[in-house]
Amino acid sequence: MRLIITNPNQVGQILRARRKARRVSQQQLAAKLDLSQNRLSEIESGVAPLTLERLITLANVLGLQLVLQDKAEESDSAAEW
């Protein structure tokens, strides 16, 4: 799976989808991360801020990795406003 994230709200949606795909409850994942279930719900909903450290930890626990790469070049017409 390769996803391009263009806004912060997508992160929570991706984490939630991955958690559900792995059939892990919020309670189970929160316990692994030493978080409350409510806090994890807020992270998945985009309500609570997510630090880079917490994002990397969540990704690792869910079997994901973060990759930064050069952005694909846009066509000339798309680059113009």
C-alpha atoms as a PDB file:
ATOM      1  CA  MET A   1       0.000   0.000   0.000  1.00  0.00           C
ATOM      2  CA  ARG A   2       1.349   3.412  -0.967  1.00  0.00           C
ATOM      3  CA  LEU A   3      -0.545   6.541   0.038  1.00  0.00           C
ATOM      4  CA  ILE A   4       0.275  10.165  -0.569  1.00  0.00           C
ATOM      5  CA  ILE A   5      -0.746  12.387   2.322  1.00  0.00           C
ATOM      6  CA  THR A   6      -1.626  15.934   1.379  1.00  0.00           C
ATOM      7  CA  ASN A   7      -3.287  17.124   4.594  1.00  0.00           C
ATOM      8  CA  PRO A   8      -3.100  16.259   8.311  1.00  0.00           C
ATOM      9  CA  ASN A   9      -6.641  14.848   8.520  1.00  0.00           C
ATOM     10  CA  GLN A  10      -5.692  12.001   6.196  1.00  0.00           C
ATOM     11  CA  VAL A  11      -3.227  10.612   8.741  1.00  0.00           C
ATOM     12  CA  GLY A  12      -5.899   9.709  11.282  1.00  0.00           C
ATOM     13  CA  GLN A  13      -8.104   8.200   8.584  1.00  0.00           C
ATOM     14  CA  ILE A  14      -5.235   6.039   7.327  1.00  0.00           C
ATOM     15  CA  LEU A  15      -4.304   4.901  10.830  1.00  0.00           C
ATOM     16  CA  ARG A  16      -7.932   4.010  11.609  1.00  0.00           C
ATOM     17  CA  ALA A  17      -8.332   2.074   8.354  1.00  0.00           C
ATOM     18  CA  ARG A  18      -5.104   0.154   8.992  1.00  0.00           C
ATOM     19  CA  ARG A  19      -6.104  -0.655  12.570  1.00  0.00           C
ATOM     20  CA  LYS A  20      -9.467  -1.971  11.405  1.00  0.00           C
ATOM     21  CA  ALA A  21      -7.873  -3.955   8.560  1.00  0.00           C
ATOM     22  CA  ARG A  22      -5.673  -5.671  11.136  1.00  0.00           C
ATOM     23  CA  ARG A  23      -8.770  -6.321  13.299  1.00  0.00           C
ATOM     24  CA  VAL A  24      -7.365  -4.456  16.274  1.00  0.00           C
ATOM     25  CA  SER A  25      -9.711  -2.538  18.556  1.00  0.00           C
ATOM     26  CA  GLN A  26      -8.962   0.982  19.719  1.00  0.00           C
ATOM     27  CA  GLN A  27      -8.674  -0.402  23.243  1.00  0.00           C
ATOM     28  CA  GLN A  28      -6.063  -2.996  22.198  1.00  0.00           C
ATOM     29  CA  LEU A  29      -3.982  -0.499  20.233  1.00  0.00           C
ATOM     30  CA  ALA A  30      -4.226   2.155  22.932  1.00  0.00           C
ATOM     31  CA  ALA A  31      -2.964  -0.350  25.515  1.00  0.00           C
ATOM     32  CA  LYS A  32       0.080  -1.155  23.334  1.00  0.00           C
ATOM     33  CA  LEU A  33       0.830   2.550  23.062  1.00  0.00           C
ATOM     34  CA  ASP A  34       0.120   3.390  26.712  1.00  0.00           C
ATOM     35  CA  LEU A  35      -2.676   5.753  25.649  1.00  0.00           C
ATOM     36  CA  SER A  36      -6.286   6.006  26.678  1.00  0.00           C
ATOM     37  CA  GLN A  37      -8.818   4.700  24.182  1.00  0.00           C
ATOM     38  CA  ASN A  38     -10.335   8.183  24.113  1.00  0.00           C
ATOM     39  CA  ARG A  39      -7.003   9.759  23.143  1.00  0.00           C
ATOM     40  CA  LEU A  40      -6.516   7.249  20.323  1.00  0.00           C
ATOM     41  CA  SER A  41     -10.035   8.024  19.096  1.00  0.00           C
ATOM     42  CA  GLU A  42      -9.160  11.733  19.053  1.00  0.00           C
ATOM     43  CA  ILE A  43      -5.969  11.028  17.092  1.00  0.00           C
ATOM     44  CA  GLU A  44      -7.853   8.942  14.530  1.00  0.00           C
ATOM     45  CA  SER A  45     -10.515  11.647  14.233  1.00  0.00           C
ATOM     46  CA  GLY A  46      -7.930  14.373  13.695  1.00  0.00           C
ATOM     47  CA  VAL A  47      -9.021  16.212  16.854  1.00  0.00           C
ATOM     48  CA  ALA A  48      -5.860  15.611  18.902  1.00  0.00           C
ATOM     49  CA  PRO A  49      -2.474  16.745  17.637  1.00  0.00           C
ATOM     50  CA  LEU A  50      -0.074  13.996  16.631  1.00  0.00           C
ATOM     51  CA  THR A  51       3.648  14.356  17.252  1.00  0.00           C
ATOM     52  CA  LEU A  52       6.114  12.907  14.784  1.00  0.00           C
ATOM     53  CA  GLU A  53       7.352  10.529  17.472  1.00  0.00           C
ATOM     54  CA  ARG A  54       3.830   9.238  18.148  1.00  0.00           C
ATOM     55  CA  LEU A  55       3.131   8.948  14.409  1.00  0.00           C
ATOM     56  CA  ILE A  56       6.234   6.827  13.876  1.00  0.00           C
ATOM     57  CA  THR A  57       5.330   4.633  16.862  1.00  0.00           C
ATOM     58  CA  LEU A  58       1.765   4.165  15.626  1.00  0.00           C
ATOM     59  CA  ALA A  59       2.975   3.366  12.124  1.00  0.00           C
ATOM     60  CA  ASN A  60       5.431   0.772  13.429  1.00  0.00           C
ATOM     61  CA  VAL A  61       2.842  -0.921  15.643  1.00  0.00           C
ATOM     62  CA  LEU A  62       0.438  -1.073  12.689  1.00  0.00           C
ATOM     63  CA  GLY A  63       3.095  -2.479  10.350  1.00  0.00           C
ATOM     64  CA  LEU A  64       3.537   0.718   8.361  1.00  0.00           C
ATOM     65  CA  GLN A  65       6.576   2.837   7.608  1.00  0.00           C
ATOM     66  CA  LEU A  66       6.979   6.506   6.788  1.00  0.00           C
ATOM     67  CA  VAL A  67       8.873   7.406   3.639  1.00  0.00           C
ATOM     68  CA  LEU A  68       9.792  10.895   2.518  1.00  0.00           C
ATOM     69  CA  GLN A  69      10.588  11.307  -1.139  1.00  0.00           C
ATOM     70  CA  ASP A  70      10.842  13.976  -3.761  1.00  0.00           C
ATOM     71  CA  LYS A  71       7.463  15.290  -4.811  1.00  0.00           C
ATOM     72  CA  ALA A  72       6.374  14.333  -8.321  1.00  0.00           C
ATOM     73  CA  GLU A  73       6.753  17.221 -10.704  1.00  0.00           C
ATOM     74  CA  GLU A  74       3.554  18.950 -11.704  1.00  0.00           C
ATOM     75  CA  SER A  75       2.712  19.876 -15.279  1.00  0.00           C
ATOM     76  CA  ASP A  76       3.264  23.527 -16.243  1.00  0.00           C
ATOM     77  CA  SER A  77      -0.445  24.294 -16.262  1.00  0.00           C
ATOM     78  CA  ALA A  78      -0.943  22.756 -12.802  1.00  0.00           C
ATOM     79  CA  ALA A  79       1.992  24.710 -11.415  1.00  0.00           C
ATOM     80  CA  GLU A  80       0.388  27.979 -12.439  1.00  0.00           C
ATOM     81  CA  TRP A  81      -2.277  29.314 -10.150  1.00  0.00           C
END
